[in-house]
Protein backbone atom coordinates (compact mmCIF):
# COMPACT_ATOMS: atom_id res chain seq x y z
CA UNK A 1 11.64 34.41 14.61
CA UNK A 2 11.17 32.58 17.84
CA UNK A 3 14.44 30.91 18.91
CA UNK A 4 15.06 27.36 18.10
CA UNK A 5 16.42 25.83 21.26
CA UNK A 6 16.90 22.36 22.74
CA UNK A 7 13.35 22.16 23.82
CA UNK A 8 12.39 23.01 20.34
CA UNK A 9 14.31 19.92 18.82
CA UNK A 10 12.93 17.68 21.46
CA UNK A 11 9.36 18.82 20.89
CA UNK A 12 10.01 18.47 17.05
CA UNK A 13 11.16 14.85 17.60
CA UNK A 14 8.46 13.74 19.80
CA UNK A 15 5.73 15.43 17.61
CA UNK A 16 7.13 14.19 14.32
CA UNK A 17 7.58 10.76 15.50
CA UNK A 18 4.17 10.55 16.75
CA UNK A 19 2.76 11.86 13.51
CA UNK A 20 4.80 9.03 11.71
CA UNK A 21 3.84 6.33 14.14
CA UNK A 22 0.16 7.39 14.11
CA UNK A 23 0.03 7.16 10.39
CA UNK A 24 1.94 3.98 10.46
CA UNK A 25 -0.99 2.66 12.72
CA UNK A 26 -3.51 3.97 10.25
CA UNK A 27 -1.81 2.07 7.30
CA UNK A 28 -1.92 -1.14 9.44
CA UNK A 29 -5.62 -0.92 10.31
CA UNK A 30 -6.38 0.23 6.65
CA UNK A 31 -5.29 -3.21 5.49
CA UNK A 32 -7.54 -4.77 8.15
CA UNK A 33 -10.31 -2.70 6.77
CA UNK A 34 -11.07 -0.82 9.85
CA UNK A 35 -10.44 2.42 7.90
CA UNK A 36 -12.13 2.64 4.40
CA UNK A 37 -11.91 4.62 1.40
CA UNK A 38 -8.80 6.50 0.23
CA UNK A 39 -5.90 6.95 2.64
CA UNK A 40 -3.23 9.43 1.83
CA UNK A 41 -0.26 9.37 4.30
CA UNK A 42 2.43 12.09 5.13
CA UNK A 43 5.27 9.92 5.82
CA UNK A 44 8.53 11.95 5.00
CA UNK A 45 6.89 15.39 4.86
CA UNK A 46 6.56 15.93 8.68
CA UNK A 47 9.32 18.48 8.81
CA UNK A 48 7.00 20.95 7.05
CA UNK A 49 4.29 20.80 9.86
CA UNK A 50 7.23 20.91 12.56
CA UNK A 51 8.36 24.23 11.00
CA UNK A 52 4.97 25.64 10.64
CA UNK A 53 4.10 24.74 14.38
CA UNK A 54 7.19 26.52 15.54
CA UNK A 55 6.14 30.01 13.84
CA UNK A 56 2.60 30.12 13.75
CA UNK A 57 0.19 31.89 16.02
CA UNK A 58 -2.36 29.06 16.49
CA UNK A 59 -4.69 31.25 18.48
CA UNK A 60 -5.01 33.44 15.35
CA UNK A 61 -3.52 32.02 12.14
CA UNK A 62 -5.56 29.46 10.09
CA UNK A 63 -4.61 26.35 8.00
CA UNK A 64 -6.22 24.59 5.05
CA UNK A 65 -4.93 21.73 2.91
CA UNK A 66 -5.73 18.96 0.57
CA UNK A 67 -6.61 15.38 1.34
CA UNK A 68 -3.15 14.42 2.89
CA UNK A 69 -4.54 16.04 6.15
CA UNK A 70 -4.20 13.96 9.31
CA UNK A 71 -1.06 15.56 10.67
CA UNK A 72 -2.10 19.05 10.04
CA UNK A 73 -5.24 19.17 12.52
CA UNK A 74 -2.96 17.42 15.26
CA UNK A 75 -0.43 20.07 14.58
CA UNK A 76 -3.06 22.78 15.06
CA UNK A 77 -4.09 21.46 18.44
CA UNK A 78 -6.96 18.90 17.70
CA UNK A 79 -7.17 15.88 19.94
CA UNK A 80 -5.43 12.91 17.85
CA UNK A 81 -8.08 10.48 19.36
CA UNK A 82 -10.63 12.36 17.58
CA UNK A 83 -8.74 12.29 14.32
CA UNK A 84 -8.16 8.73 14.48
CA UNK A 85 -11.91 8.13 15.34
CA UNK A 86 -12.86 10.11 12.35
CA UNK A 87 -10.87 7.83 9.98
CA UNK A 88 -12.64 4.83 11.69
CA UNK A 89 -16.02 6.52 10.85
CA UNK A 90 -16.94 6.73 14.48
CA UNK A 91 -19.23 9.18 16.18
CA UNK A 92 -16.39 10.67 18.33
CA UNK A 93 -14.58 11.74 15.30
CA UNK A 94 -13.97 15.36 14.20
CA UNK A 95 -17.06 15.20 11.86
CA UNK A 96 -18.95 12.52 13.74
CA UNK A 97 -17.44 10.02 11.34
CA UNK A 98 -18.98 11.23 8.40
CA UNK A 99 -15.98 13.05 6.78
CA UNK A 100 -13.35 10.25 6.95
CA UNK A 101 -9.79 10.40 5.89
CA UNK A 102 -10.00 13.07 3.28
CA UNK A 103 -12.28 15.56 5.06
CA UNK A 104 -10.86 16.17 8.65
CA UNK A 105 -12.12 19.50 9.73
CA UNK A 106 -11.56 21.23 13.04
CA UNK A 107 -12.64 25.07 12.75
CA UNK A 108 -12.29 25.31 16.72
CA UNK A 109 -8.64 24.81 16.12
CA UNK A 110 -8.47 26.84 13.00
CA UNK A 111 -8.19 23.90 10.82
CA UNK A 112 -10.31 24.25 7.76
CA UNK A 113 -9.84 20.92 6.01
CA UNK A 114 -9.27 18.39 4.35
CA UNK A 115 -10.35 18.89 0.85
CA UNK A 116 -10.85 16.05 -1.68
CA UNK A 117 -11.04 18.27 -4.74
CA UNK A 118 -7.67 18.76 -6.20
CA UNK A 119 -6.74 22.48 -5.73
CA UNK A 120 -10.15 23.30 -4.32
CA UNK A 121 -8.70 24.48 -1.19
CA UNK A 122 -6.48 27.28 -3.03
CA UNK A 123 -9.31 29.86 -3.57
CA UNK A 124 -10.77 28.78 -0.19
CA UNK A 125 -7.48 29.69 1.56
CA UNK A 126 -7.65 33.12 -0.25
CA UNK A 127 -11.37 33.58 0.97
CA UNK A 128 -10.22 32.80 4.65
CA UNK A 129 -7.45 35.23 4.19
CA UNK A 130 -9.94 37.91 2.73
CA UNK A 131 -12.06 37.41 5.91
CA UNK A 132 -9.03 37.92 7.98
CA UNK A 133 -8.36 41.34 6.41
CA UNK A 134 -11.87 42.53 5.95
CA UNK A 135 -12.63 41.88 9.67
CA UNK A 136 -9.34 43.05 10.73
CA UNK A 137 -8.65 39.82 12.72
CA UNK A 138 -4.81 39.88 12.37
CA UNK A 139 -4.64 36.25 11.27
CA UNK A 140 -2.59 34.72 8.34
CA UNK A 141 -3.78 31.84 6.41
CA UNK A 142 -1.36 28.92 5.49
CA UNK A 143 -2.88 27.23 2.29
CA UNK A 144 -1.05 23.96 1.62
CA UNK A 145 -1.33 22.33 -1.88
CA UNK A 146 0.50 19.65 -3.76
CA UNK A 147 2.71 20.00 -6.74
CA UNK A 148 -0.13 18.50 -8.87
CA UNK A 149 -2.55 21.21 -7.70
CA UNK A 150 -0.22 23.93 -8.69
CA UNK A 151 -1.27 23.11 -12.31
CA UNK A 152 -4.93 24.00 -11.57
CA UNK A 153 -6.25 27.21 -13.18
CA UNK A 154 -7.74 28.26 -10.00
CA UNK A 155 -4.29 28.88 -8.66
CA UNK A 156 -3.64 31.61 -11.29
CA UNK A 157 -7.11 33.25 -10.67
CA UNK A 158 -6.41 33.09 -6.80
CA UNK A 159 -2.83 34.51 -7.11
CA UNK A 160 -4.16 37.49 -9.19
CA UNK A 161 -6.78 38.20 -6.73
CA UNK A 162 -4.62 37.63 -3.66
CA UNK A 163 -1.99 40.02 -4.86
CA UNK A 164 -4.52 42.65 -5.87
CA UNK A 165 -5.98 42.68 -2.42
CA UNK A 166 -2.69 42.13 -0.72
CA UNK A 167 -4.44 39.22 1.20
CA UNK A 168 -2.57 37.81 4.47
CA UNK A 169 -2.08 34.35 2.79
CA UNK A 170 1.04 32.11 2.42
CA UNK A 171 0.53 29.60 -0.33
CA UNK A 172 2.88 26.47 0.21
CA UNK A 173 3.45 23.76 -2.30
CA UNK A 174 4.32 20.51 -0.44
CA UNK A 175 6.39 19.49 -3.50
CA UNK A 176 7.01 15.86 -3.00
CA UNK A 177 7.90 15.29 -6.54
CA UNK A 178 4.83 13.47 -7.86
CA UNK A 179 1.35 14.35 -8.50
CA UNK A 180 -0.20 11.01 -7.88
CA UNK A 181 2.25 9.06 -10.27
CA UNK A 182 3.25 11.92 -12.59
CA UNK A 183 6.71 13.54 -11.87
CA UNK A 184 6.99 17.29 -11.67
CA UNK A 185 9.27 17.26 -14.58
CA UNK A 186 6.54 15.89 -16.86
CA UNK A 187 4.00 18.43 -15.80
CA UNK A 188 5.70 21.55 -17.19
CA UNK A 189 8.71 22.69 -19.18
CA UNK A 190 10.58 23.47 -15.94
CA UNK A 191 10.68 22.09 -12.39
CA UNK A 192 10.65 25.29 -10.50
CA UNK A 193 7.23 25.43 -9.34
CA UNK A 194 7.95 28.50 -7.24
CA UNK A 195 8.46 30.64 -10.31
CA UNK A 196 4.78 30.61 -10.88
CA UNK A 197 4.74 33.50 -8.38
CA UNK A 198 7.02 35.68 -10.49
CA UNK A 199 4.17 36.42 -13.15
CA UNK A 200 2.30 38.21 -10.25
CA UNK A 201 5.37 39.88 -8.63
CA UNK A 202 4.43 37.62 -5.50
CA UNK A 203 7.32 36.95 -3.30
CA UNK A 204 8.22 33.41 -3.90
CA UNK A 205 11.07 30.74 -3.65
CA UNK A 206 12.23 27.34 -2.95
CA UNK A 207 12.54 25.82 0.60
CA UNK A 208 14.31 22.59 1.85
CA UNK A 209 11.27 20.76 3.25
CA UNK A 210 13.35 18.09 4.95
CA UNK A 211 14.57 20.33 7.69
CA UNK A 212 12.28 21.93 10.06
CA UNK A 213 14.63 24.89 10.73
CA UNK A 214 14.58 25.79 6.97
CA UNK A 215 10.75 25.53 6.84
CA UNK A 216 10.33 27.68 9.87
CA UNK A 217 12.82 30.33 8.58
CA UNK A 218 10.84 30.67 5.35
CA UNK A 219 7.36 30.35 6.79
CA UNK A 220 8.34 33.08 9.58
CA UNK A 221 9.38 35.60 6.94
CA UNK A 222 6.19 35.09 4.81
CA UNK A 223 4.05 35.10 7.81
CA UNK A 224 5.51 38.41 9.14
CA UNK A 225 5.07 39.89 5.65
CA UNK A 226 1.29 38.88 5.42
CA UNK A 227 0.67 40.15 9.04
CA UNK A 228 2.21 43.48 8.37
CA UNK A 229 0.01 44.05 5.29
CA UNK A 230 2.51 43.03 2.80
CA UNK A 231 0.37 40.43 1.01
CA UNK A 232 0.92 36.89 0.01
CA UNK A 233 3.96 34.59 -0.55
CA UNK A 234 4.43 31.40 -2.48
CA UNK A 235 6.69 28.89 -1.23
CA UNK A 236 7.82 25.83 -3.11
CA UNK A 237 8.73 23.49 -0.23
CA UNK A 238 10.83 20.52 -1.67
CA UNK A 239 9.84 17.26 0.26
CA UNK A 240 9.46 13.44 -0.29
CA UNK A 241 6.74 10.97 0.57
CA UNK A 242 7.98 7.65 1.44
CA UNK A 243 4.60 5.82 0.92
CA UNK A 244 2.63 5.84 -2.34
CA UNK A 245 0.31 8.63 -3.31
CA UNK A 246 -2.45 6.63 -1.47
CA UNK A 247 -2.63 3.17 -0.03
CA UNK A 248 -3.81 1.71 -3.36
CA UNK A 249 -0.77 3.30 -5.07
CA UNK A 250 1.51 0.50 -6.69
CA UNK A 251 4.33 3.12 -7.26
CA UNK A 252 5.56 1.85 -10.52
CA UNK A 253 6.62 5.43 -11.63
CA UNK A 254 9.60 5.32 -9.30
CA UNK A 255 12.38 2.87 -7.98
CA UNK A 256 12.91 1.47 -4.55
CA UNK A 257 16.46 2.89 -4.92
CA UNK A 258 15.17 6.37 -5.29
CA UNK A 259 13.03 5.99 -2.01
CA UNK A 260 16.00 4.56 -0.20
CA UNK A 261 18.03 7.74 -1.20
CA UNK A 262 15.59 9.96 0.17
CA UNK A 263 15.22 7.85 3.32
CA UNK A 264 18.90 8.72 4.00
CA UNK A 265 17.69 12.34 4.72
CA UNK A 266 14.69 11.39 6.70
CA UNK A 267 13.64 14.40 8.77
CA UNK A 268 12.98 12.43 11.80
CA UNK A 269 16.27 10.92 11.70
CA UNK A 270 17.94 14.31 10.92
CA UNK A 271 16.21 15.84 14.16
CA UNK A 272 17.24 12.89 16.14
CA UNK A 273 20.88 12.92 15.05
CA UNK A 274 20.93 16.75 15.86
CA UNK A 275 19.70 16.10 19.33
CA UNK A 276 22.30 13.48 20.09
CA UNK A 277 25.00 15.58 18.42
CA UNK A 278 24.36 18.60 20.42
CA UNK A 279 23.80 16.56 23.61
CA UNK A 280 20.34 17.92 24.09
CA UNK A 281 19.41 14.31 25.19
CA UNK A 282 20.82 10.95 25.65
CA UNK A 283 20.05 7.73 23.87
CA UNK A 284 17.97 6.55 26.96
CA UNK A 285 15.94 9.97 26.89
CA UNK A 286 15.10 9.14 23.18
CA UNK A 287 14.06 5.63 24.15
CA UNK A 288 11.78 7.30 26.86
CA UNK A 289 10.33 9.44 24.13
CA UNK A 290 9.81 6.40 21.84
CA UNK A 291 8.06 4.68 24.51
CA UNK A 292 5.57 7.70 25.13
CA UNK A 293 4.98 7.95 21.41
CA UNK A 294 4.05 4.18 21.39
CA UNK A 295 1.70 4.51 24.32
CA UNK A 296 -0.04 7.66 22.78
CA UNK A 297 -0.63 5.91 19.40
CA UNK A 298 -2.12 2.94 21.32
CA UNK A 299 -4.23 5.36 23.32
CA UNK A 300 -5.63 6.68 20.04
CA UNK A 301 -6.34 3.23 18.59
CA UNK A 302 -8.23 2.11 21.79
CA UNK A 303 -10.29 5.25 21.69
CA UNK A 304 -11.28 4.74 18.11
CA UNK A 305 -11.73 1.16 18.29
CA UNK A 306 -14.08 1.41 21.47
CA UNK A 307 -15.99 4.54 20.13
CA UNK A 308 -19.52 3.77 18.81
CA UNK A 309 -20.52 4.41 15.13
CA UNK A 310 -22.89 7.35 14.58
CA UNK A 311 -26.49 6.74 14.51
CA UNK A 312 -28.11 6.60 11.08
CA UNK A 313 -30.23 9.67 11.31
CA UNK A 314 -27.02 11.80 11.89
CA UNK A 315 -26.32 11.42 8.19
CA UNK A 316 -29.61 13.34 7.38
CA UNK A 317 -29.30 15.86 10.20
CA UNK A 318 -26.14 17.24 9.05
CA UNK A 319 -26.83 17.06 5.21
CA UNK A 320 -30.48 18.16 4.85
CA UNK A 321 -31.98 21.49 6.06
CA UNK A 322 -35.55 20.58 5.68
CA UNK A 323 -37.01 18.09 8.22
CA UNK A 324 -39.47 16.98 5.65
CA UNK A 325 -36.93 16.40 2.85
CA UNK A 326 -39.02 14.46 0.17
CA UNK A 327 -36.31 11.75 -0.40
CA UNK A 328 -36.28 10.66 3.21
CA UNK A 329 -39.03 8.06 4.05
CA UNK A 330 -41.02 9.21 6.96
CA UNK A 331 -43.00 6.83 9.30
């Protein structure tokens, strides 16, 4: 695995803090109705993307996920200004403002969504991996899913096929404890989601998702296995979300005390404390990073605010193949 250095921790802190503040801004403008529809935030889960960012080959490897998908394309190299513009429904967004929060898409940066159908990305991730193997591209596909999606039947069909074909894919459950409002303990007779891989003799196991080093170690092993022809891995990455399932979630299924306990192991705080303990940076250096992050978020907000909405005809241009589609009124 690529060495974890002082610069790694500093990059992790700045990136993770930016992702958190970027989404905090989205929550703010959502209340102002500048962002519409559903909004699923990643607060608390940032260590997973930090670990992935450290070990992936972003030139070759691909990523696909569900609808909690704002941080991932930024991690893969997409311009965060375009991501925010997409949530605003603006023409400068990643999908010209037509996809919105749940459907960020950036194939030029090897990010393939952003999927609103629960578990829909699981077989698609295997399909991307099949293409990597069939065309001998050498890439590995990281397929992220929630603990709720792990109960979909498509997961089992996909696991069976992925193992039979030894596809270069890593299936990663971002296990934040709740499928919307249903705890993991209520969805099966055991809480060890990783054990689902045992039935297919797929390498599998739990991962501490609150520490980027642990995520990086597990993903590095899985990616190397896939890249060398060893087939898929299934990782149960234990994490926690500090906000509700979406902005409309009243969170009656958990207590404030529970959230506060998990906030004591906030991955951003953990990385910051590591930096200070190891003398990688001073408090003043941290303040400088905080200022840069704040300015970068403001730049994204200004870009989204000042961008134009797409022309109405664009909705038809990207949906219908026929120019004379019968349901479109023609002058």
